[in-house]
Amino acid sequence: MKKFILSTLIFALIGTMQFPLMGQEMTRLLTLEDAQRISDAAEARAKQDNWNVVIAVLDAGGHLIALRRMDGTQIGSVDVGIQKASTALKFKRPTKVFQDGVQAGNVHIMSLEGVAAVEGGLPIKSGDHVIGSIGVSGVTSAQDGIIAAAGLAAFE
């Protein structure tokens, strides 16, 4: 009987202990607050030059966390901004890489489904992990890239 009680107490104590996750790295998640800070910084940069754009921020699963369409921005930029963010997320690289590839003659890039081969999409990283992305559309691709970079800088 004493052994049973002692065993029960030991199992109860072990059950209440917290063990660190051995060999598992904790990855930061992109929060709504992060997405708003990124969007705020991107919008502030766009306003410096009176550029009207759409700013899309996605989480690691490709789900929209924040979408901002500045007054006067064409409606078509909503889809383009989301697609730029999606491309940067899925391929873990800036969309400018694809634009540069197409300009260098690698036309096969255009056959990749869902790829926005236009500057303005950037992955958002925490360490080595891509935890989201930003996509900007509304002005020239180079200007979209400047705005996206300003948003990303607010996260880092």
N, C-alpha and C. Protein backbone atom coordinates (compact mmCIF):
# COMPACT_ATOMS: atom_id res chain seq x y z
N MET A 1 0.83 -1.19 0.00
CA MET A 1 0.00 0.00 0.00
C MET A 1 0.87 1.25 0.00
N LYS A 2 1.95 1.22 0.81
CA LYS A 2 2.86 2.37 0.86
C LYS A 2 3.51 2.61 -0.51
N LYS A 3 3.85 1.51 -1.20
CA LYS A 3 4.46 1.65 -2.52
C LYS A 3 3.47 2.29 -3.50
N PHE A 4 2.21 1.91 -3.41
CA PHE A 4 1.19 2.46 -4.30
C PHE A 4 1.01 3.96 -4.07
N ILE A 5 0.95 4.35 -2.80
CA ILE A 5 0.79 5.76 -2.45
C ILE A 5 2.02 6.54 -2.89
N LEU A 6 3.21 6.00 -2.66
CA LEU A 6 4.45 6.66 -3.05
C LEU A 6 4.53 6.81 -4.57
N SER A 7 4.17 5.75 -5.29
CA SER A 7 4.17 5.79 -6.75
C SER A 7 3.20 6.84 -7.27
N THR A 8 2.02 6.89 -6.67
CA THR A 8 1.01 7.86 -7.07
C THR A 8 1.50 9.28 -6.84
N LEU A 9 2.15 9.52 -5.70
CA LEU A 9 2.69 10.84 -5.40
C LEU A 9 3.78 11.23 -6.39
N ILE A 10 4.63 10.29 -6.72
CA ILE A 10 5.72 10.57 -7.67
C ILE A 10 5.15 10.92 -9.04
N PHE A 11 4.19 10.13 -9.52
CA PHE A 11 3.57 10.41 -10.82
C PHE A 11 2.85 11.75 -10.81
N ALA A 12 2.22 12.07 -9.69
CA ALA A 12 1.52 13.35 -9.58
C ALA A 12 2.50 14.51 -9.65
N LEU A 13 3.64 14.37 -8.97
CA LEU A 13 4.66 15.42 -9.01
C LEU A 13 5.25 15.58 -10.41
N ILE A 14 5.54 14.46 -11.04
CA ILE A 14 6.09 14.51 -12.39
C ILE A 14 5.09 15.15 -13.35
N GLY A 15 3.83 14.84 -13.18
CA GLY A 15 2.79 15.38 -14.04
C GLY A 15 2.65 16.89 -13.93
N THR A 16 3.01 17.47 -12.80
CA THR A 16 2.89 18.91 -12.62
C THR A 16 4.15 19.67 -13.00
N MET A 17 5.23 18.94 -13.26
CA MET A 17 6.49 19.60 -13.64
C MET A 17 6.43 20.04 -15.09
N GLN A 18 7.11 21.13 -15.38
CA GLN A 18 7.19 21.61 -16.75
C GLN A 18 8.57 21.33 -17.29
N PHE A 19 8.62 20.66 -18.42
CA PHE A 19 9.88 20.33 -19.05
C PHE A 19 10.08 21.22 -20.26
N PRO A 20 11.30 21.72 -20.46
CA PRO A 20 11.54 22.50 -21.67
C PRO A 20 11.38 21.61 -22.90
N LEU A 21 11.01 22.22 -24.00
CA LEU A 21 10.88 21.47 -25.24
C LEU A 21 12.27 21.17 -25.76
N MET A 22 12.68 19.94 -25.55
CA MET A 22 14.03 19.53 -25.92
C MET A 22 14.19 19.52 -27.43
N GLY A 23 15.18 20.25 -27.93
CA GLY A 23 15.50 20.24 -29.34
C GLY A 23 14.50 20.97 -30.23
N GLN A 24 13.53 21.63 -29.63
CA GLN A 24 12.56 22.37 -30.42
C GLN A 24 12.77 23.86 -30.22
N GLU A 25 12.90 24.55 -31.32
CA GLU A 25 13.12 25.99 -31.29
C GLU A 25 11.77 26.70 -31.31
N MET A 26 11.62 27.70 -30.48
CA MET A 26 10.39 28.48 -30.47
C MET A 26 10.48 29.54 -31.56
N THR A 27 9.45 29.63 -32.37
CA THR A 27 9.41 30.61 -33.44
C THR A 27 8.41 31.69 -33.08
N ARG A 28 8.82 32.91 -33.26
CA ARG A 28 7.93 34.04 -33.00
C ARG A 28 6.80 34.05 -34.03
N LEU A 29 5.62 34.43 -33.58
CA LEU A 29 4.49 34.57 -34.48
C LEU A 29 4.28 36.05 -34.79
N LEU A 30 3.84 36.33 -35.98
CA LEU A 30 3.52 37.70 -36.37
C LEU A 30 2.15 38.04 -35.79
N THR A 31 2.08 39.10 -35.01
CA THR A 31 0.84 39.48 -34.34
C THR A 31 0.13 40.60 -35.10
N LEU A 32 -1.10 40.85 -34.71
CA LEU A 32 -1.84 41.98 -35.28
C LEU A 32 -1.11 43.28 -34.98
N GLU A 33 -0.58 43.39 -33.77
CA GLU A 33 0.17 44.60 -33.40
C GLU A 33 1.38 44.78 -34.32
N ASP A 34 2.09 43.69 -34.60
CA ASP A 34 3.24 43.74 -35.53
C ASP A 34 2.77 44.21 -36.91
N ALA A 35 1.68 43.62 -37.39
CA ALA A 35 1.16 43.95 -38.72
C ALA A 35 0.75 45.41 -38.80
N GLN A 36 0.16 45.92 -37.74
CA GLN A 36 -0.25 47.32 -37.73
C GLN A 36 0.97 48.25 -37.72
N ARG A 37 2.00 47.88 -36.95
CA ARG A 37 3.23 48.69 -36.91
C ARG A 37 3.91 48.70 -38.28
N ILE A 38 3.95 47.55 -38.93
CA ILE A 38 4.53 47.44 -40.27
C ILE A 38 3.73 48.29 -41.25
N SER A 39 2.42 48.17 -41.20
CA SER A 39 1.54 48.93 -42.10
C SER A 39 1.66 50.43 -41.85
N ASP A 40 1.73 50.82 -40.58
CA ASP A 40 1.86 52.24 -40.24
C ASP A 40 3.14 52.82 -40.84
N ALA A 41 4.24 52.08 -40.69
CA ALA A 41 5.53 52.58 -41.21
C ALA A 41 5.51 52.64 -42.74
N ALA A 42 4.92 51.63 -43.37
CA ALA A 42 4.84 51.63 -44.83
C ALA A 42 3.97 52.79 -45.31
N GLU A 43 2.85 53.00 -44.66
CA GLU A 43 1.97 54.10 -45.06
C GLU A 43 2.65 55.45 -44.86
N ALA A 44 3.36 55.61 -43.76
CA ALA A 44 4.07 56.87 -43.50
C ALA A 44 5.09 57.13 -44.60
N ARG A 45 5.78 56.07 -45.05
CA ARG A 45 6.77 56.25 -46.13
C ARG A 45 6.08 56.62 -47.43
N ALA A 46 4.96 56.00 -47.72
CA ALA A 46 4.22 56.31 -48.95
C ALA A 46 3.74 57.76 -48.93
N LYS A 47 3.29 58.23 -47.79
CA LYS A 47 2.78 59.60 -47.68
C LYS A 47 3.87 60.65 -47.89
N GLN A 48 5.13 60.28 -47.59
CA GLN A 48 6.24 61.23 -47.79
C GLN A 48 6.28 61.73 -49.23
N ASP A 49 5.96 60.85 -50.16
CA ASP A 49 6.02 61.20 -51.58
C ASP A 49 4.64 61.27 -52.23
N ASN A 50 3.61 61.32 -51.40
CA ASN A 50 2.23 61.36 -51.91
C ASN A 50 1.92 60.18 -52.83
N TRP A 51 2.40 59.00 -52.44
CA TRP A 51 2.12 57.78 -53.18
C TRP A 51 0.92 57.09 -52.54
N ASN A 52 -0.06 56.74 -53.33
CA ASN A 52 -1.23 56.00 -52.84
C ASN A 52 -1.05 54.53 -53.17
N VAL A 53 -1.07 53.70 -52.13
CA VAL A 53 -0.79 52.28 -52.32
C VAL A 53 -1.71 51.41 -51.46
N VAL A 54 -1.64 50.13 -51.76
CA VAL A 54 -2.23 49.09 -50.92
C VAL A 54 -1.08 48.41 -50.20
N ILE A 55 -1.29 48.14 -48.92
CA ILE A 55 -0.29 47.46 -48.09
C ILE A 55 -0.96 46.21 -47.54
N ALA A 56 -0.41 45.05 -47.85
CA ALA A 56 -0.95 43.77 -47.37
C ALA A 56 0.10 43.08 -46.50
N VAL A 57 -0.32 42.60 -45.34
CA VAL A 57 0.57 41.85 -44.45
C VAL A 57 -0.06 40.48 -44.21
N LEU A 58 0.71 39.43 -44.47
CA LEU A 58 0.25 38.05 -44.29
C LEU A 58 0.99 37.39 -43.14
N ASP A 59 0.35 36.40 -42.50
CA ASP A 59 1.03 35.61 -41.48
C ASP A 59 1.75 34.44 -42.15
N ALA A 60 2.38 33.58 -41.36
CA ALA A 60 3.18 32.48 -41.89
C ALA A 60 2.35 31.48 -42.68
N GLY A 61 1.06 31.42 -42.44
CA GLY A 61 0.18 30.51 -43.17
C GLY A 61 -0.39 31.12 -44.44
N GLY A 62 -0.02 32.36 -44.72
CA GLY A 62 -0.51 33.03 -45.92
C GLY A 62 -1.86 33.70 -45.73
N HIS A 63 -2.25 33.89 -44.48
CA HIS A 63 -3.54 34.51 -44.19
C HIS A 63 -3.35 36.01 -43.96
N LEU A 64 -4.27 36.77 -44.47
CA LEU A 64 -4.22 38.23 -44.37
C LEU A 64 -4.40 38.66 -42.91
N ILE A 65 -3.45 39.43 -42.40
CA ILE A 65 -3.57 40.00 -41.05
C ILE A 65 -4.01 41.44 -41.16
N ALA A 66 -3.43 42.16 -42.11
CA ALA A 66 -3.77 43.58 -42.26
C ALA A 66 -3.78 43.93 -43.74
N LEU A 67 -4.75 44.76 -44.10
CA LEU A 67 -4.83 45.26 -45.47
C LEU A 67 -5.22 46.73 -45.39
N ARG A 68 -4.43 47.56 -46.03
CA ARG A 68 -4.68 48.99 -46.06
C ARG A 68 -4.72 49.46 -47.50
N ARG A 69 -5.78 50.10 -47.89
CA ARG A 69 -5.87 50.71 -49.23
C ARG A 69 -6.01 52.20 -49.01
N MET A 70 -4.93 52.91 -49.29
CA MET A 70 -4.93 54.35 -49.09
C MET A 70 -5.90 55.00 -50.07
N ASP A 71 -6.49 56.11 -49.65
CA ASP A 71 -7.43 56.84 -50.49
C ASP A 71 -6.81 57.12 -51.85
N GLY A 72 -7.59 56.88 -52.90
CA GLY A 72 -7.13 57.17 -54.24
C GLY A 72 -6.39 56.04 -54.92
N THR A 73 -6.16 54.94 -54.20
CA THR A 73 -5.44 53.81 -54.81
C THR A 73 -6.41 52.97 -55.63
N GLN A 74 -5.96 52.58 -56.83
CA GLN A 74 -6.81 51.77 -57.70
C GLN A 74 -7.14 50.44 -57.02
N ILE A 75 -8.33 49.95 -57.27
CA ILE A 75 -8.83 48.73 -56.64
C ILE A 75 -7.98 47.51 -57.03
N GLY A 76 -7.48 47.49 -58.26
CA GLY A 76 -6.67 46.36 -58.72
C GLY A 76 -5.43 46.12 -57.89
N SER A 77 -4.95 47.16 -57.21
CA SER A 77 -3.75 47.01 -56.38
C SER A 77 -3.99 46.15 -55.14
N VAL A 78 -5.25 45.96 -54.77
CA VAL A 78 -5.54 45.08 -53.62
C VAL A 78 -5.06 43.67 -53.94
N ASP A 79 -5.50 43.12 -55.07
CA ASP A 79 -5.10 41.77 -55.45
C ASP A 79 -3.61 41.67 -55.70
N VAL A 80 -3.04 42.68 -56.33
CA VAL A 80 -1.60 42.65 -56.63
C VAL A 80 -0.77 42.70 -55.35
N GLY A 81 -1.16 43.54 -54.40
CA GLY A 81 -0.44 43.63 -53.13
C GLY A 81 -0.46 42.31 -52.38
N ILE A 82 -1.63 41.67 -52.35
CA ILE A 82 -1.75 40.37 -51.68
C ILE A 82 -0.91 39.33 -52.41
N GLN A 83 -0.93 39.36 -53.73
CA GLN A 83 -0.15 38.38 -54.51
C GLN A 83 1.36 38.58 -54.30
N LYS A 84 1.80 39.81 -54.21
CA LYS A 84 3.22 40.07 -53.94
C LYS A 84 3.60 39.52 -52.57
N ALA A 85 2.75 39.77 -51.57
CA ALA A 85 3.02 39.25 -50.22
C ALA A 85 3.03 37.73 -50.23
N SER A 86 2.09 37.12 -50.94
CA SER A 86 2.01 35.66 -51.02
C SER A 86 3.25 35.07 -51.68
N THR A 87 3.70 35.69 -52.76
CA THR A 87 4.91 35.21 -53.45
C THR A 87 6.12 35.27 -52.53
N ALA A 88 6.30 36.39 -51.84
CA ALA A 88 7.44 36.55 -50.93
C ALA A 88 7.40 35.51 -49.81
N LEU A 89 6.21 35.20 -49.35
CA LEU A 89 6.05 34.22 -48.27
C LEU A 89 6.34 32.81 -48.76
N LYS A 90 5.71 32.42 -49.85
CA LYS A 90 5.84 31.05 -50.35
C LYS A 90 7.26 30.71 -50.80
N PHE A 91 7.94 31.69 -51.37
CA PHE A 91 9.28 31.43 -51.90
C PHE A 91 10.39 31.95 -51.00
N LYS A 92 10.01 32.55 -49.87
CA LYS A 92 10.96 33.01 -48.84
C LYS A 92 12.00 33.97 -49.40
N ARG A 93 11.57 34.83 -50.32
CA ARG A 93 12.49 35.81 -50.89
C ARG A 93 11.72 36.99 -51.43
N PRO A 94 12.42 38.11 -51.62
CA PRO A 94 11.76 39.29 -52.19
C PRO A 94 11.27 39.01 -53.61
N THR A 95 10.15 39.61 -53.96
CA THR A 95 9.62 39.42 -55.31
C THR A 95 10.53 40.05 -56.37
N LYS A 96 11.38 40.96 -55.96
CA LYS A 96 12.34 41.57 -56.91
C LYS A 96 13.25 40.51 -57.53
N VAL A 97 13.51 39.45 -56.80
CA VAL A 97 14.33 38.36 -57.34
C VAL A 97 13.69 37.80 -58.61
N PHE A 98 12.38 37.65 -58.59
CA PHE A 98 11.66 37.14 -59.76
C PHE A 98 11.64 38.16 -60.89
N GLN A 99 11.45 39.43 -60.53
CA GLN A 99 11.47 40.50 -61.54
C GLN A 99 12.83 40.53 -62.22
N ASP A 100 13.89 40.47 -61.44
CA ASP A 100 15.25 40.48 -62.01
C ASP A 100 15.48 39.26 -62.91
N GLY A 101 14.95 38.11 -62.50
CA GLY A 101 15.09 36.90 -63.31
C GLY A 101 14.41 37.03 -64.66
N VAL A 102 13.21 37.58 -64.67
CA VAL A 102 12.48 37.78 -65.93
C VAL A 102 13.24 38.77 -66.81
N GLN A 103 13.73 39.85 -66.21
CA GLN A 103 14.48 40.85 -66.98
C GLN A 103 15.77 40.28 -67.54
N ALA A 104 16.32 39.25 -66.87
CA ALA A 104 17.54 38.61 -67.36
C ALA A 104 17.26 37.55 -68.42
N GLY A 105 15.97 37.35 -68.72
CA GLY A 105 15.63 36.40 -69.78
C GLY A 105 15.10 35.07 -69.29
N ASN A 106 14.96 34.87 -68.01
CA ASN A 106 14.43 33.61 -67.47
C ASN A 106 12.90 33.65 -67.51
N VAL A 107 12.36 33.50 -68.71
CA VAL A 107 10.92 33.63 -68.89
C VAL A 107 10.13 32.49 -68.28
N HIS A 108 10.79 31.38 -67.94
CA HIS A 108 10.08 30.26 -67.31
C HIS A 108 9.47 30.69 -65.96
N ILE A 109 10.02 31.73 -65.38
CA ILE A 109 9.48 32.24 -64.11
C ILE A 109 8.02 32.62 -64.28
N MET A 110 7.67 33.14 -65.45
CA MET A 110 6.31 33.58 -65.70
C MET A 110 5.31 32.41 -65.69
N SER A 111 5.82 31.17 -65.84
CA SER A 111 4.93 30.01 -65.84
C SER A 111 4.68 29.46 -64.44
N LEU A 112 5.37 30.01 -63.43
CA LEU A 112 5.16 29.56 -62.06
C LEU A 112 3.82 30.10 -61.56
N GLU A 113 2.96 29.21 -61.13
CA GLU A 113 1.61 29.61 -60.71
C GLU A 113 1.64 30.51 -59.48
N GLY A 114 0.92 31.62 -59.57
CA GLY A 114 0.77 32.51 -58.42
C GLY A 114 1.96 33.38 -58.10
N VAL A 115 2.95 33.45 -58.99
CA VAL A 115 4.14 34.25 -58.73
C VAL A 115 3.95 35.66 -59.26
N ALA A 116 4.17 36.62 -58.38
CA ALA A 116 4.18 38.03 -58.78
C ALA A 116 5.64 38.41 -59.02
N ALA A 117 6.03 38.45 -60.27
CA ALA A 117 7.42 38.74 -60.62
C ALA A 117 7.62 40.25 -60.73
N VAL A 118 7.24 40.96 -59.67
CA VAL A 118 7.29 42.42 -59.64
C VAL A 118 7.73 42.83 -58.23
N GLU A 119 8.65 43.77 -58.15
CA GLU A 119 9.15 44.24 -56.86
C GLU A 119 8.00 44.80 -56.00
N GLY A 120 8.14 44.60 -54.69
CA GLY A 120 7.16 45.13 -53.75
C GLY A 120 6.70 44.13 -52.72
N GLY A 121 7.19 42.89 -52.81
CA GLY A 121 6.87 41.87 -51.81
C GLY A 121 8.12 41.45 -51.07
N LEU A 122 8.04 41.39 -49.74
CA LEU A 122 9.19 41.01 -48.92
C LEU A 122 8.77 40.01 -47.84
N PRO A 123 9.60 38.99 -47.59
CA PRO A 123 9.30 38.09 -46.47
C PRO A 123 9.62 38.79 -45.14
N ILE A 124 8.90 38.42 -44.11
CA ILE A 124 9.16 38.92 -42.76
C ILE A 124 9.75 37.76 -41.99
N LYS A 125 10.95 37.96 -41.45
CA LYS A 125 11.67 36.86 -40.79
C LYS A 125 11.87 37.12 -39.31
N SER A 126 11.91 36.02 -38.59
CA SER A 126 12.34 36.02 -37.19
C SER A 126 13.45 34.99 -37.13
N GLY A 127 14.67 35.46 -37.02
CA GLY A 127 15.81 34.56 -37.14
C GLY A 127 15.86 33.99 -38.55
N ASP A 128 15.90 32.66 -38.64
CA ASP A 128 15.94 32.01 -39.95
C ASP A 128 14.56 31.63 -40.46
N HIS A 129 13.52 31.96 -39.71
CA HIS A 129 12.17 31.54 -40.05
C HIS A 129 11.37 32.67 -40.69
N VAL A 130 10.69 32.36 -41.77
CA VAL A 130 9.77 33.32 -42.40
C VAL A 130 8.45 33.21 -41.65
N ILE A 131 8.04 34.31 -41.04
CA ILE A 131 6.83 34.30 -40.20
C ILE A 131 5.70 35.14 -40.81
N GLY A 132 5.94 35.67 -41.99
CA GLY A 132 4.93 36.48 -42.66
C GLY A 132 5.53 37.19 -43.84
N SER A 133 4.77 38.15 -44.37
CA SER A 133 5.27 38.91 -45.52
C SER A 133 4.48 40.20 -45.66
N ILE A 134 5.07 41.11 -46.43
CA ILE A 134 4.41 42.36 -46.79
C ILE A 134 4.41 42.49 -48.29
N GLY A 135 3.30 42.99 -48.83
CA GLY A 135 3.21 43.26 -50.25
C GLY A 135 2.62 44.65 -50.45
N VAL A 136 3.24 45.41 -51.35
CA VAL A 136 2.79 46.78 -51.62
C VAL A 136 2.56 46.92 -53.11
N SER A 137 1.46 47.60 -53.47
CA SER A 137 1.16 47.85 -54.87
C SER A 137 0.44 49.18 -55.00
N GLY A 138 0.73 49.88 -56.10
CA GLY A 138 0.03 51.13 -56.36
C GLY A 138 0.82 52.15 -57.14
N VAL A 139 2.15 52.09 -57.01
CA VAL A 139 2.99 53.01 -57.76
C VAL A 139 3.94 52.16 -58.61
N THR A 140 5.11 52.64 -58.97
CA THR A 140 6.02 51.79 -59.75
C THR A 140 6.54 50.67 -58.86
N SER A 141 7.02 49.61 -59.46
CA SER A 141 7.51 48.49 -58.66
C SER A 141 8.67 48.92 -57.75
N ALA A 142 9.55 49.78 -58.23
CA ALA A 142 10.66 50.25 -57.40
C ALA A 142 10.13 51.05 -56.20
N GLN A 143 9.13 51.88 -56.44
CA GLN A 143 8.53 52.65 -55.34
C GLN A 143 7.80 51.73 -54.37
N ASP A 144 7.10 50.74 -54.89
CA ASP A 144 6.46 49.75 -54.03
C ASP A 144 7.51 49.07 -53.13
N GLY A 145 8.66 48.76 -53.70
CA GLY A 145 9.74 48.13 -52.94
C GLY A 145 10.27 49.02 -51.83
N ILE A 146 10.39 50.31 -52.10
CA ILE A 146 10.84 51.27 -51.07
C ILE A 146 9.86 51.30 -49.91
N ILE A 147 8.58 51.30 -50.22
CA ILE A 147 7.55 51.35 -49.19
C ILE A 147 7.54 50.06 -48.38
N ALA A 148 7.63 48.92 -49.05
CA ALA A 148 7.66 47.63 -48.35
C ALA A 148 8.87 47.55 -47.42
N ALA A 149 10.01 48.03 -47.89
CA ALA A 149 11.23 48.00 -47.07
C ALA A 149 11.07 48.86 -45.82
N ALA A 150 10.40 50.00 -45.96
CA ALA A 150 10.15 50.87 -44.80
C ALA A 150 9.25 50.16 -43.79
N GLY A 151 8.25 49.45 -44.28
CA GLY A 151 7.39 48.69 -43.38
C GLY A 151 8.15 47.61 -42.67
N LEU A 152 8.97 46.87 -43.41
CA LEU A 152 9.75 45.78 -42.82
C LEU A 152 10.73 46.31 -41.77
N ALA A 153 11.31 47.47 -42.03
CA ALA A 153 12.28 48.05 -41.08
C ALA A 153 11.62 48.33 -39.72
N ALA A 154 10.34 48.59 -39.71
CA ALA A 154 9.63 48.85 -38.45
C ALA A 154 9.48 47.58 -37.62
N PHE A 155 9.60 46.42 -38.25
CA PHE A 155 9.51 45.15 -37.55
C PHE A 155 10.83 44.72 -36.96
N GLU A 156 11.89 44.98 -37.70
CA GLU A 156 13.22 44.48 -37.32
C GLU A 156 13.81 45.16 -36.16
